[in-house]
N, C-alpha and C. Protein backbone atom coordinates (compact mmCIF):
# COMPACT_ATOMS: atom_id res chain seq x y z
N UNK A 1 -9.84 -37.86 45.20
CA UNK A 1 -10.41 -38.33 46.47
C UNK A 1 -9.50 -39.49 47.09
N UNK A 2 -9.38 -39.41 48.45
CA UNK A 2 -8.39 -40.31 48.95
C UNK A 2 -8.67 -41.76 48.72
N UNK A 3 -9.99 -42.18 48.75
CA UNK A 3 -10.14 -43.64 48.52
C UNK A 3 -9.81 -44.09 47.08
N UNK A 4 -10.05 -43.10 46.08
CA UNK A 4 -9.70 -43.49 44.72
C UNK A 4 -8.18 -43.51 44.48
N UNK A 5 -7.42 -42.63 45.31
CA UNK A 5 -6.00 -42.68 45.24
C UNK A 5 -5.45 -43.98 45.90
N UNK A 6 -6.14 -44.51 46.85
CA UNK A 6 -5.72 -45.80 47.55
C UNK A 6 -5.92 -46.88 46.51
N UNK A 7 -7.06 -47.00 45.86
CA UNK A 7 -7.28 -47.97 44.87
C UNK A 7 -6.39 -47.93 43.81
N UNK A 8 -6.08 -46.75 43.21
CA UNK A 8 -5.15 -46.55 42.09
C UNK A 8 -3.71 -47.06 42.47
N UNK A 9 -3.31 -46.53 43.70
CA UNK A 9 -2.01 -46.73 44.12
C UNK A 9 -1.68 -48.17 44.47
N UNK A 10 -2.68 -48.99 44.75
CA UNK A 10 -2.41 -50.36 45.16
C UNK A 10 -2.77 -51.35 43.90
N UNK A 11 -3.13 -50.62 42.87
CA UNK A 11 -3.59 -51.53 41.75
C UNK A 11 -2.74 -52.55 41.24
N UNK A 12 -1.28 -52.33 41.37
CA UNK A 12 -0.44 -53.34 40.84
C UNK A 12 0.25 -54.24 41.95
N UNK A 13 -0.23 -54.06 43.21
CA UNK A 13 0.46 -54.83 44.18
C UNK A 13 -0.14 -56.30 44.26
N UNK A 14 0.71 -57.24 44.60
CA UNK A 14 0.40 -58.60 44.56
C UNK A 14 -0.03 -59.16 45.88
N UNK A 15 0.36 -60.42 46.13
CA UNK A 15 0.01 -61.16 47.43
C UNK A 15 0.69 -60.64 48.56
N UNK A 16 -0.04 -60.65 49.74
CA UNK A 16 0.70 -60.36 51.00
C UNK A 16 1.39 -61.56 51.38
N UNK A 17 2.69 -61.45 51.56
CA UNK A 17 3.49 -62.59 51.94
C UNK A 17 3.19 -63.16 53.31
N UNK A 18 2.67 -64.37 53.36
CA UNK A 18 2.36 -65.06 54.63
C UNK A 18 1.21 -64.59 55.33
N UNK A 19 0.38 -63.53 54.84
CA UNK A 19 -0.67 -62.96 55.62
C UNK A 19 -1.95 -63.74 55.37
N UNK A 20 -1.99 -64.53 54.29
CA UNK A 20 -3.21 -65.30 53.97
C UNK A 20 -4.18 -64.45 53.46
N UNK A 21 -3.81 -63.34 52.74
CA UNK A 21 -4.76 -62.50 52.06
C UNK A 21 -4.21 -61.88 50.79
N UNK A 22 -5.05 -61.25 50.05
CA UNK A 22 -4.51 -60.71 48.70
C UNK A 22 -4.75 -59.27 48.78
N UNK A 23 -3.67 -58.43 48.45
CA UNK A 23 -3.81 -57.02 48.44
C UNK A 23 -4.61 -56.54 47.12
N UNK A 24 -5.09 -55.44 47.31
CA UNK A 24 -5.94 -54.94 46.05
C UNK A 24 -5.08 -55.07 44.79
N UNK A 25 -5.69 -55.74 43.91
CA UNK A 25 -4.90 -56.14 42.65
C UNK A 25 -5.51 -55.60 41.46
N UNK A 26 -5.04 -55.96 40.27
CA UNK A 26 -5.60 -55.52 39.03
C UNK A 26 -6.99 -56.24 38.83
N UNK A 27 -7.90 -55.47 38.21
CA UNK A 27 -9.24 -56.00 37.96
C UNK A 27 -10.04 -55.10 37.14
N UNK A 28 -11.34 -55.56 37.00
CA UNK A 28 -12.25 -54.79 36.12
C UNK A 28 -13.18 -54.10 36.95
N UNK A 29 -13.34 -52.74 36.72
CA UNK A 29 -14.40 -52.05 37.59
C UNK A 29 -15.87 -52.27 37.16
N UNK A 30 -16.73 -52.29 38.04
CA UNK A 30 -18.21 -52.43 37.74
C UNK A 30 -18.63 -50.95 37.13
N UNK A 31 -19.61 -51.03 36.38
CA UNK A 31 -20.28 -49.74 36.08
C UNK A 31 -19.44 -48.97 35.11
N UNK A 32 -20.07 -47.81 34.58
CA UNK A 32 -19.45 -46.87 33.63
C UNK A 32 -19.06 -45.75 34.29
N UNK A 33 -17.77 -45.26 34.08
CA UNK A 33 -17.31 -43.98 34.61
C UNK A 33 -17.60 -43.83 36.08
N UNK A 34 -17.24 -44.85 36.93
CA UNK A 34 -17.54 -44.70 38.42
C UNK A 34 -16.55 -43.77 39.15
N UNK A 35 -15.42 -43.37 38.46
CA UNK A 35 -14.52 -42.53 39.10
C UNK A 35 -15.19 -41.11 39.40
N UNK A 36 -16.23 -40.81 38.64
CA UNK A 36 -16.89 -39.49 38.90
C UNK A 36 -18.04 -39.57 39.75
N UNK A 37 -18.37 -40.83 40.22
CA UNK A 37 -19.69 -40.93 41.04
C UNK A 37 -19.43 -40.27 42.38
N UNK A 38 -20.46 -39.79 43.00
CA UNK A 38 -20.31 -39.09 44.24
C UNK A 38 -21.33 -39.71 45.17
N UNK A 39 -20.87 -40.61 46.18
CA UNK A 39 -21.83 -41.25 47.01
C UNK A 39 -22.03 -40.61 48.32
N UNK A 40 -21.48 -39.38 48.46
CA UNK A 40 -21.74 -38.55 49.69
C UNK A 40 -20.89 -39.01 50.82
N UNK A 41 -19.98 -40.06 50.64
CA UNK A 41 -19.17 -40.55 51.82
C UNK A 41 -17.90 -39.69 52.18
N UNK A 42 -17.59 -38.82 51.16
CA UNK A 42 -16.39 -37.93 51.42
C UNK A 42 -16.64 -36.97 52.49
N UNK A 43 -17.86 -36.60 52.78
CA UNK A 43 -18.23 -35.67 53.80
C UNK A 43 -18.64 -36.39 55.21
N UNK A 44 -18.25 -37.67 55.24
CA UNK A 44 -18.60 -38.40 56.45
C UNK A 44 -19.98 -39.12 56.49
N UNK A 45 -20.63 -38.96 55.33
CA UNK A 45 -22.05 -39.58 55.24
C UNK A 45 -21.88 -41.09 54.92
N UNK A 46 -23.02 -41.77 54.99
CA UNK A 46 -22.87 -43.22 54.61
C UNK A 46 -22.36 -43.52 53.35
N UNK A 47 -21.74 -44.64 53.08
CA UNK A 47 -21.28 -45.06 51.80
C UNK A 47 -22.56 -45.87 51.19
N UNK A 48 -22.80 -45.61 50.00
CA UNK A 48 -23.94 -46.42 49.31
C UNK A 48 -23.34 -47.46 48.48
N UNK A 49 -23.77 -48.66 48.72
CA UNK A 49 -23.31 -49.85 47.97
C UNK A 49 -24.46 -50.27 47.18
N UNK A 50 -24.20 -50.48 45.89
CA UNK A 50 -25.21 -51.08 44.91
C UNK A 50 -25.32 -52.51 44.95
N UNK A 51 -26.42 -53.01 45.58
CA UNK A 51 -26.65 -54.44 45.67
C UNK A 51 -27.14 -55.08 44.49
N UNK A 52 -26.92 -56.36 44.22
CA UNK A 52 -27.42 -57.01 43.05
C UNK A 52 -28.43 -58.13 43.37
N UNK A 53 -29.17 -58.53 42.31
CA UNK A 53 -30.09 -59.61 42.51
C UNK A 53 -29.29 -60.98 42.38
N UNK A 54 -29.19 -61.60 43.62
CA UNK A 54 -28.53 -62.84 43.76
C UNK A 54 -29.11 -63.48 44.91
N UNK A 55 -28.68 -64.78 45.22
CA UNK A 55 -29.27 -65.49 46.29
C UNK A 55 -29.10 -64.80 47.64
N UNK A 56 -30.20 -64.49 48.27
CA UNK A 56 -30.12 -63.78 49.65
C UNK A 56 -29.90 -62.26 49.37
N UNK A 57 -29.92 -61.77 48.16
CA UNK A 57 -29.63 -60.37 47.95
C UNK A 57 -30.66 -59.85 46.86
N UNK A 58 -31.12 -58.68 47.14
CA UNK A 58 -32.04 -57.99 46.21
C UNK A 58 -31.28 -56.78 45.49
N UNK A 59 -31.62 -56.55 44.34
CA UNK A 59 -31.13 -55.41 43.51
C UNK A 59 -31.59 -54.10 44.29
N UNK A 60 -30.66 -53.14 44.52
CA UNK A 60 -30.97 -51.98 45.19
C UNK A 60 -29.76 -51.27 45.69
N UNK A 61 -29.92 -50.67 46.89
CA UNK A 61 -28.77 -49.97 47.50
C UNK A 61 -28.85 -50.33 48.96
N UNK A 62 -27.65 -50.35 49.59
CA UNK A 62 -27.57 -50.49 51.08
C UNK A 62 -26.59 -49.52 51.68
N UNK A 63 -26.89 -48.74 52.59
CA UNK A 63 -25.95 -47.72 53.16
C UNK A 63 -25.01 -48.38 54.16
N UNK A 64 -23.86 -47.91 54.29
CA UNK A 64 -22.93 -48.44 55.10
C UNK A 64 -22.29 -47.20 55.85
N UNK A 65 -22.68 -46.99 57.23
CA UNK A 65 -23.48 -47.93 58.14
C UNK A 65 -24.96 -47.79 57.89
N UNK A 66 -25.75 -48.77 58.51
CA UNK A 66 -27.10 -48.65 58.27
C UNK A 66 -27.99 -48.71 59.62
N UNK A 67 -27.23 -48.46 60.75
CA UNK A 67 -27.86 -48.49 62.08
C UNK A 67 -27.75 -49.79 62.71
N UNK A 68 -27.50 -50.84 62.07
CA UNK A 68 -27.41 -52.24 62.56
C UNK A 68 -25.85 -52.45 62.80
N UNK A 69 -25.71 -53.56 63.68
CA UNK A 69 -24.17 -54.13 63.59
C UNK A 69 -24.07 -54.80 62.17
N UNK A 70 -23.03 -54.37 61.49
CA UNK A 70 -22.85 -54.81 60.17
C UNK A 70 -21.60 -55.76 60.11
N UNK A 71 -21.68 -56.94 59.41
CA UNK A 71 -20.71 -57.82 59.10
C UNK A 71 -20.32 -57.72 57.67
N UNK A 72 -19.24 -57.08 57.22
CA UNK A 72 -18.87 -56.77 55.94
C UNK A 72 -17.78 -57.79 55.46
N UNK A 73 -17.87 -58.45 54.38
CA UNK A 73 -16.84 -59.28 53.86
C UNK A 73 -16.35 -58.53 52.47
N UNK A 74 -15.14 -58.05 52.40
CA UNK A 74 -14.65 -57.63 51.13
C UNK A 74 -13.87 -58.73 50.42
N UNK A 75 -14.10 -59.06 49.27
CA UNK A 75 -13.57 -60.15 48.47
C UNK A 75 -13.29 -59.87 47.12
N UNK A 76 -12.59 -60.80 46.42
CA UNK A 76 -12.43 -60.71 44.99
C UNK A 76 -12.61 -62.25 44.55
N UNK A 77 -13.35 -62.41 43.43
CA UNK A 77 -13.71 -63.84 43.10
C UNK A 77 -12.62 -64.61 42.66
N UNK A 78 -11.56 -64.05 42.12
CA UNK A 78 -10.41 -64.80 41.63
C UNK A 78 -9.53 -65.25 42.82
N UNK A 79 -9.67 -64.76 44.04
CA UNK A 79 -8.77 -64.99 45.16
C UNK A 79 -9.19 -66.30 45.75
N UNK A 80 -8.17 -67.26 45.86
CA UNK A 80 -8.42 -68.59 46.40
C UNK A 80 -8.92 -68.51 47.86
N UNK A 81 -8.27 -67.60 48.68
CA UNK A 81 -8.59 -67.53 50.04
C UNK A 81 -10.05 -66.94 50.24
N UNK A 82 -10.41 -66.01 49.28
CA UNK A 82 -11.78 -65.49 49.32
C UNK A 82 -12.85 -66.58 49.16
N UNK A 83 -12.47 -67.55 48.10
CA UNK A 83 -13.36 -68.53 47.93
C UNK A 83 -13.35 -69.57 49.10
N UNK A 84 -12.29 -69.79 49.72
CA UNK A 84 -12.20 -70.64 50.88
C UNK A 84 -12.96 -70.05 52.08
N UNK A 85 -13.00 -68.77 52.15
CA UNK A 85 -13.66 -68.08 53.22
C UNK A 85 -15.20 -68.12 53.20
N UNK A 86 -15.67 -68.26 51.99
CA UNK A 86 -17.14 -68.23 51.82
C UNK A 86 -17.94 -69.23 52.67
N UNK A 87 -17.54 -70.50 52.76
CA UNK A 87 -18.34 -71.51 53.46
C UNK A 87 -18.24 -71.11 54.95
N UNK A 88 -17.16 -70.56 55.44
CA UNK A 88 -17.03 -70.15 56.81
C UNK A 88 -18.02 -68.99 57.18
N UNK A 89 -18.13 -68.05 56.22
CA UNK A 89 -19.10 -67.05 56.44
C UNK A 89 -20.45 -67.54 56.43
N UNK A 90 -20.72 -68.45 55.44
CA UNK A 90 -22.19 -68.92 55.39
C UNK A 90 -22.55 -69.54 56.73
N UNK A 91 -21.62 -70.37 57.29
CA UNK A 91 -22.01 -70.98 58.59
C UNK A 91 -22.08 -70.00 59.71
N UNK A 92 -21.13 -68.98 59.78
CA UNK A 92 -21.36 -67.93 60.69
C UNK A 92 -22.63 -67.13 60.53
N UNK A 93 -22.90 -66.91 59.28
CA UNK A 93 -24.18 -66.08 58.99
C UNK A 93 -25.43 -66.91 59.55
N UNK A 94 -25.37 -68.20 59.23
CA UNK A 94 -26.60 -68.92 59.66
C UNK A 94 -26.77 -68.96 61.11
N UNK A 95 -25.78 -69.10 61.79
CA UNK A 95 -25.67 -69.19 63.28
C UNK A 95 -26.03 -67.84 63.90
N UNK A 96 -25.58 -66.74 63.34
CA UNK A 96 -25.75 -65.42 63.89
C UNK A 96 -27.18 -65.02 63.59
N UNK A 97 -27.66 -65.27 62.39
CA UNK A 97 -28.96 -64.82 62.07
C UNK A 97 -30.05 -65.55 62.79
N UNK A 98 -29.74 -66.74 63.18
CA UNK A 98 -30.78 -67.59 64.06
C UNK A 98 -30.81 -67.04 65.28
N UNK A 99 -29.73 -66.44 65.90
CA UNK A 99 -29.88 -65.96 67.26
C UNK A 99 -29.94 -64.43 67.36
N UNK A 100 -29.55 -63.69 66.34
CA UNK A 100 -29.58 -62.18 66.45
C UNK A 100 -29.95 -61.57 65.07
N UNK A 101 -30.91 -62.27 64.35
CA UNK A 101 -31.17 -61.83 63.01
C UNK A 101 -31.62 -60.29 62.88
N UNK A 102 -32.42 -59.93 63.80
CA UNK A 102 -32.96 -58.50 63.72
C UNK A 102 -31.86 -57.40 64.06
N UNK A 103 -30.71 -57.81 64.69
CA UNK A 103 -29.70 -56.85 65.06
C UNK A 103 -28.65 -56.86 64.14
N UNK A 104 -28.48 -57.65 63.16
CA UNK A 104 -27.48 -57.73 62.22
C UNK A 104 -27.78 -57.51 60.80
N UNK A 105 -26.83 -56.99 60.02
CA UNK A 105 -26.76 -56.95 58.68
C UNK A 105 -25.47 -57.50 58.02
N UNK A 106 -25.57 -58.48 57.16
CA UNK A 106 -24.43 -59.11 56.57
C UNK A 106 -24.35 -58.45 55.19
N UNK A 107 -23.11 -58.11 54.70
CA UNK A 107 -22.83 -57.54 53.33
C UNK A 107 -21.53 -58.06 52.76
N UNK A 108 -21.68 -58.61 51.53
CA UNK A 108 -20.51 -58.94 50.70
C UNK A 108 -20.25 -57.84 49.78
N UNK A 109 -18.96 -57.46 49.57
CA UNK A 109 -18.77 -56.29 48.70
C UNK A 109 -17.41 -56.54 47.86
N UNK A 110 -17.58 -56.36 46.62
CA UNK A 110 -16.26 -56.47 45.82
C UNK A 110 -16.13 -55.20 44.97
N UNK A 111 -14.92 -54.78 44.73
CA UNK A 111 -14.70 -53.70 43.82
C UNK A 111 -14.26 -54.10 42.48
N UNK A 112 -14.01 -55.37 42.36
CA UNK A 112 -13.74 -55.91 41.03
C UNK A 112 -14.73 -56.66 40.34
N UNK A 113 -14.66 -56.73 39.04
CA UNK A 113 -15.56 -57.69 38.20
C UNK A 113 -15.06 -59.09 38.50
N UNK A 114 -16.00 -60.03 38.70
CA UNK A 114 -15.54 -61.40 38.91
C UNK A 114 -15.04 -62.01 37.64
N UNK A 115 -13.73 -61.80 37.40
CA UNK A 115 -12.96 -62.20 36.16
C UNK A 115 -13.64 -61.72 34.89
N UNK A 116 -14.23 -60.56 34.97
CA UNK A 116 -14.80 -60.05 33.73
C UNK A 116 -16.12 -60.61 33.43
N UNK A 117 -16.70 -61.41 34.32
CA UNK A 117 -17.94 -62.08 34.04
C UNK A 117 -19.13 -61.23 34.05
N UNK A 118 -20.15 -61.36 33.30
CA UNK A 118 -21.33 -60.61 33.52
C UNK A 118 -22.02 -60.94 34.65
N UNK A 119 -23.11 -60.18 35.12
CA UNK A 119 -23.69 -60.43 36.53
C UNK A 119 -24.35 -61.76 36.50
N UNK A 120 -24.87 -62.36 35.45
CA UNK A 120 -25.53 -63.65 35.47
C UNK A 120 -24.49 -64.68 36.04
N UNK A 121 -23.27 -64.58 35.57
CA UNK A 121 -22.22 -65.52 35.88
C UNK A 121 -21.68 -65.26 37.33
N UNK A 122 -21.76 -63.99 37.72
CA UNK A 122 -21.38 -63.63 39.11
C UNK A 122 -22.38 -64.17 40.14
N UNK A 123 -23.70 -64.09 39.77
CA UNK A 123 -24.76 -64.69 40.56
C UNK A 123 -24.52 -66.18 40.78
N UNK A 124 -24.04 -66.83 39.79
CA UNK A 124 -23.84 -68.36 39.82
C UNK A 124 -22.51 -68.57 40.71
N UNK A 125 -21.57 -67.64 40.70
CA UNK A 125 -20.34 -67.75 41.48
C UNK A 125 -20.77 -67.60 42.97
N UNK A 126 -21.61 -66.60 43.28
CA UNK A 126 -22.20 -66.38 44.56
C UNK A 126 -22.95 -67.54 45.14
N UNK A 127 -23.72 -68.05 44.38
CA UNK A 127 -24.50 -69.27 44.69
C UNK A 127 -23.62 -70.45 44.98
N UNK A 128 -22.69 -70.78 44.07
CA UNK A 128 -21.88 -71.90 44.18
C UNK A 128 -20.83 -71.86 45.39
N UNK A 129 -20.71 -70.69 45.81
CA UNK A 129 -19.89 -70.45 47.06
C UNK A 129 -20.48 -70.24 48.32
N UNK A 130 -21.75 -70.60 48.27
CA UNK A 130 -22.53 -70.48 49.54
C UNK A 130 -23.04 -69.07 49.89
N UNK A 131 -22.94 -68.17 49.07
CA UNK A 131 -23.45 -66.77 49.46
C UNK A 131 -24.98 -66.80 49.62
N UNK A 132 -25.47 -66.11 50.66
CA UNK A 132 -26.89 -66.11 50.91
C UNK A 132 -27.19 -64.91 51.79
N UNK A 133 -26.66 -63.75 51.31
CA UNK A 133 -26.91 -62.52 52.06
C UNK A 133 -26.71 -61.44 51.10
N UNK A 134 -26.98 -60.11 51.41
CA UNK A 134 -26.72 -59.11 50.44
C UNK A 134 -25.40 -58.96 49.89
N UNK A 135 -25.26 -58.76 48.67
CA UNK A 135 -23.94 -58.64 48.02
C UNK A 135 -23.92 -57.52 47.02
N UNK A 136 -22.83 -56.67 46.93
CA UNK A 136 -22.91 -55.69 45.93
C UNK A 136 -21.55 -55.10 45.58
N UNK A 137 -21.56 -53.97 44.85
CA UNK A 137 -20.28 -53.42 44.26
C UNK A 137 -19.83 -52.18 44.98
N UNK A 138 -18.52 -52.16 45.19
CA UNK A 138 -17.88 -51.02 45.70
C UNK A 138 -16.80 -50.61 44.79
N UNK A 139 -17.18 -50.19 43.56
CA UNK A 139 -16.04 -50.07 42.46
C UNK A 139 -15.02 -49.08 42.79
N UNK A 140 -15.24 -48.02 43.58
CA UNK A 140 -14.19 -47.11 43.82
C UNK A 140 -13.48 -47.35 45.20
N UNK A 141 -13.74 -48.44 45.80
CA UNK A 141 -13.02 -48.73 47.04
C UNK A 141 -13.36 -47.87 48.21
N UNK A 142 -14.60 -47.52 48.24
CA UNK A 142 -14.97 -46.55 49.32
C UNK A 142 -14.90 -47.25 50.67
N UNK A 143 -15.36 -48.45 50.86
CA UNK A 143 -15.34 -49.21 52.09
C UNK A 143 -13.91 -49.41 52.57
N UNK A 144 -13.15 -49.91 51.63
CA UNK A 144 -11.67 -50.10 51.95
C UNK A 144 -10.86 -48.89 52.51
N UNK A 145 -11.33 -47.77 51.87
CA UNK A 145 -10.61 -46.53 52.17
C UNK A 145 -11.11 -46.04 53.50
N UNK A 146 -12.54 -46.16 53.71
CA UNK A 146 -13.02 -45.67 54.90
C UNK A 146 -12.52 -46.34 56.21
N UNK A 147 -12.31 -47.65 56.01
CA UNK A 147 -11.88 -48.42 57.21
C UNK A 147 -10.35 -48.87 57.08
N UNK A 148 -9.67 -48.28 56.23
CA UNK A 148 -8.16 -48.60 56.20
C UNK A 148 -7.81 -49.98 55.80
N UNK A 149 -8.56 -50.56 54.88
CA UNK A 149 -8.40 -52.00 54.54
C UNK A 149 -7.50 -52.12 53.30
N UNK A 150 -6.59 -53.00 53.18
CA UNK A 150 -5.70 -53.11 52.03
C UNK A 150 -5.54 -54.59 51.55
N UNK A 151 -6.39 -55.52 52.00
CA UNK A 151 -6.21 -56.89 51.51
C UNK A 151 -7.57 -57.52 51.46
N UNK A 152 -7.58 -58.74 50.82
CA UNK A 152 -8.70 -59.60 50.76
C UNK A 152 -8.34 -61.04 51.01
N UNK A 153 -9.25 -61.85 51.54
CA UNK A 153 -10.57 -61.43 52.07
C UNK A 153 -10.42 -60.81 53.48
N UNK A 154 -11.31 -59.85 53.71
CA UNK A 154 -11.32 -59.22 55.00
C UNK A 154 -12.68 -59.28 55.53
N UNK A 155 -12.89 -59.61 56.79
CA UNK A 155 -14.11 -59.63 57.54
C UNK A 155 -14.02 -58.38 58.45
N UNK A 156 -15.02 -57.51 58.40
CA UNK A 156 -14.99 -56.31 59.14
C UNK A 156 -16.37 -56.24 59.97
N UNK A 157 -16.29 -55.92 61.18
CA UNK A 157 -17.49 -55.69 61.95
C UNK A 157 -17.56 -54.24 62.31
N UNK A 158 -18.74 -53.54 61.98
CA UNK A 158 -18.89 -52.15 62.45
C UNK A 158 -20.15 -51.99 63.20
N UNK A 159 -20.25 -51.02 64.04
CA UNK A 159 -21.50 -50.77 64.79
C UNK A 159 -22.37 -49.90 64.09
N UNK A 160 -23.49 -49.58 64.76
CA UNK A 160 -24.55 -48.83 64.15
C UNK A 160 -24.10 -47.44 63.63
N UNK A 161 -23.08 -46.87 64.36
CA UNK A 161 -22.59 -45.53 63.95
C UNK A 161 -21.39 -45.62 62.94
N UNK A 162 -21.08 -46.84 62.39
CA UNK A 162 -20.10 -46.97 61.56
C UNK A 162 -18.66 -47.08 62.00
N UNK A 163 -18.54 -47.28 63.32
CA UNK A 163 -17.18 -47.46 64.00
C UNK A 163 -16.75 -48.93 63.79
N UNK A 164 -15.48 -49.01 63.25
CA UNK A 164 -15.02 -50.40 63.15
C UNK A 164 -14.64 -51.02 64.44
N UNK A 165 -15.24 -52.18 64.79
CA UNK A 165 -15.13 -52.86 66.09
C UNK A 165 -14.15 -54.05 66.00
N UNK A 166 -14.05 -54.62 64.79
CA UNK A 166 -13.27 -55.85 64.57
C UNK A 166 -12.87 -55.98 63.16
N UNK A 167 -11.62 -56.50 62.88
CA UNK A 167 -11.21 -56.80 61.45
C UNK A 167 -10.28 -58.00 61.42
N UNK A 168 -10.50 -58.82 60.46
CA UNK A 168 -9.70 -59.93 60.26
C UNK A 168 -9.34 -60.22 58.88
N UNK A 169 -8.03 -60.34 58.51
CA UNK A 169 -7.60 -60.53 57.16
C UNK A 169 -7.36 -62.10 56.92
N UNK A 170 -7.86 -62.63 55.84
CA UNK A 170 -7.59 -64.01 55.55
C UNK A 170 -8.70 -64.94 55.88
N UNK A 171 -8.52 -66.18 55.80
CA UNK A 171 -9.46 -67.14 56.03
C UNK A 171 -9.76 -67.32 57.57
N UNK A 172 -11.02 -67.17 58.10
CA UNK A 172 -11.31 -67.17 59.48
C UNK A 172 -12.39 -68.13 59.74
N UNK A 173 -12.18 -68.78 60.78
CA UNK A 173 -13.16 -69.84 61.16
C UNK A 173 -14.58 -69.30 61.58
N UNK A 174 -15.56 -70.09 61.38
CA UNK A 174 -16.87 -69.57 61.82
C UNK A 174 -17.01 -69.30 63.23
N UNK A 175 -16.26 -70.02 64.07
CA UNK A 175 -16.40 -69.80 65.62
C UNK A 175 -15.75 -68.47 65.94
N UNK A 176 -14.63 -68.10 65.23
CA UNK A 176 -13.98 -66.77 65.54
C UNK A 176 -14.85 -65.70 65.17
N UNK A 177 -15.57 -65.79 63.94
CA UNK A 177 -16.36 -64.81 63.41
C UNK A 177 -17.61 -64.58 64.35
N UNK A 178 -18.31 -65.76 64.74
CA UNK A 178 -19.41 -65.73 65.62
C UNK A 178 -19.03 -65.00 67.00
N UNK A 179 -17.86 -65.49 67.58
CA UNK A 179 -17.48 -64.90 68.93
C UNK A 179 -17.19 -63.41 68.86
N UNK A 180 -16.61 -62.88 67.82
CA UNK A 180 -16.36 -61.47 67.81
C UNK A 180 -17.63 -60.67 67.58
N UNK A 181 -18.45 -61.23 66.59
CA UNK A 181 -19.71 -60.37 66.31
C UNK A 181 -20.58 -60.44 67.57
N UNK A 182 -20.70 -61.54 68.23
CA UNK A 182 -21.48 -61.59 69.46
C UNK A 182 -20.96 -60.71 70.56
N UNK A 183 -19.65 -60.53 70.61
CA UNK A 183 -18.95 -59.62 71.58
C UNK A 183 -19.32 -58.20 71.21
N UNK A 184 -19.35 -57.82 69.93
CA UNK A 184 -19.72 -56.41 69.61
C UNK A 184 -21.30 -56.30 69.88
N UNK A 185 -22.14 -57.29 69.59
CA UNK A 185 -23.47 -57.19 69.86
C UNK A 185 -23.72 -57.05 71.31
N UNK A 186 -22.94 -57.74 72.18
CA UNK A 186 -23.09 -57.55 73.69
C UNK A 186 -22.77 -56.16 74.14
N UNK A 187 -21.53 -55.67 73.67
CA UNK A 187 -21.10 -54.46 74.06
C UNK A 187 -22.16 -53.32 73.72
N UNK A 188 -22.56 -53.47 72.38
CA UNK A 188 -23.62 -52.49 72.02
C UNK A 188 -24.83 -52.45 72.81
N UNK A 189 -25.27 -53.70 73.11
CA UNK A 189 -26.61 -53.77 73.83
C UNK A 189 -26.34 -53.28 75.27
N UNK A 190 -25.14 -53.53 75.84
CA UNK A 190 -24.88 -53.00 77.19
C UNK A 190 -24.83 -51.45 77.16
N UNK A 191 -24.32 -50.89 76.03
CA UNK A 191 -24.27 -49.49 76.00
C UNK A 191 -25.65 -48.82 75.89
N UNK A 192 -26.58 -49.57 75.10
CA UNK A 192 -27.98 -49.04 75.01
C UNK A 192 -28.61 -49.17 76.27
N UNK A 193 -28.40 -50.26 77.12
CA UNK A 193 -29.02 -50.39 78.37
C UNK A 193 -28.54 -49.40 79.31
N UNK A 194 -27.25 -49.07 79.38
CA UNK A 194 -26.72 -48.05 80.23
C UNK A 194 -27.23 -46.64 79.90
N UNK A 195 -27.36 -46.48 78.58
CA UNK A 195 -27.98 -45.15 78.17
C UNK A 195 -29.42 -44.99 78.60
N UNK A 196 -30.19 -46.07 78.48
CA UNK A 196 -31.62 -46.02 78.92
C UNK A 196 -31.71 -45.86 80.38
N UNK A 197 -30.71 -46.51 81.17
CA UNK A 197 -30.82 -46.36 82.59
C UNK A 197 -30.51 -44.96 82.97
N UNK A 198 -29.45 -44.39 82.32
CA UNK A 198 -29.12 -43.00 82.62
C UNK A 198 -30.23 -42.04 82.40
N UNK A 199 -31.00 -42.31 81.24
CA UNK A 199 -32.08 -41.48 80.80
C UNK A 199 -33.18 -41.53 81.93
N UNK A 200 -33.61 -42.82 82.34
CA UNK A 200 -34.49 -42.90 83.31
C UNK A 200 -34.12 -42.22 84.71
N UNK A 201 -32.79 -42.43 85.06
CA UNK A 201 -32.32 -41.79 86.28
C UNK A 201 -32.52 -40.35 86.24
N UNK A 202 -32.20 -39.74 85.07
CA UNK A 202 -32.27 -38.22 84.83
C UNK A 202 -33.81 -37.87 84.94
N UNK A 203 -34.66 -38.66 84.32
CA UNK A 203 -36.02 -38.28 84.44
C UNK A 203 -36.56 -38.39 85.79
N UNK A 204 -36.15 -39.41 86.50
CA UNK A 204 -36.67 -39.52 87.86
C UNK A 204 -36.26 -38.35 88.83
N UNK A 205 -34.91 -38.05 88.55
CA UNK A 205 -34.39 -36.91 89.37
C UNK A 205 -35.11 -35.53 89.00
N UNK A 206 -35.42 -35.40 87.78
CA UNK A 206 -36.15 -34.08 87.43
C UNK A 206 -37.48 -34.06 87.95
N UNK A 207 -38.09 -35.18 88.22
CA UNK A 207 -39.61 -34.99 88.80
C UNK A 207 -39.51 -35.00 90.24
């Protein structure tokens, strides 16, 4: 499958020179025999991310896309820039949820084990780095493959249909994140308004 080939092919690549991000590197996969798992995303369906019990996150699954505007952060715990990005995301998350909570879903996703640590230690890493939203595992790199992502940390914004609307590699300020997410929200809202107006116009004409 293409996404697994991407993960395997990039497994030995190191740091992106001057880009402020880390390419997919060596790491430990979550779960057992995940290479044979079928999440249904190969046929264009949603990617299913296994979420864990951590601060702001419940154990379960979350589809990508899920109908909301989604802010997805792909990270690796051993990456210094990923750690530096977390407080920025936390601030952006707090601001965006306060103003647009019902329209947004935040998701943190990692394909690597956090330095081989068990989930309990990963939960502590998440808490100590200000994580407070759903977080889960993408062990076969489905999200990265779906959206053409090859580095960490990456902030990606997708719309309700799963179309990528914005992507930023590296450490990004809260203001930049908020501005781009709100731009996507505004564009999506305008599209829904226009669709409703078109439907009403059609209905009025037909009567």
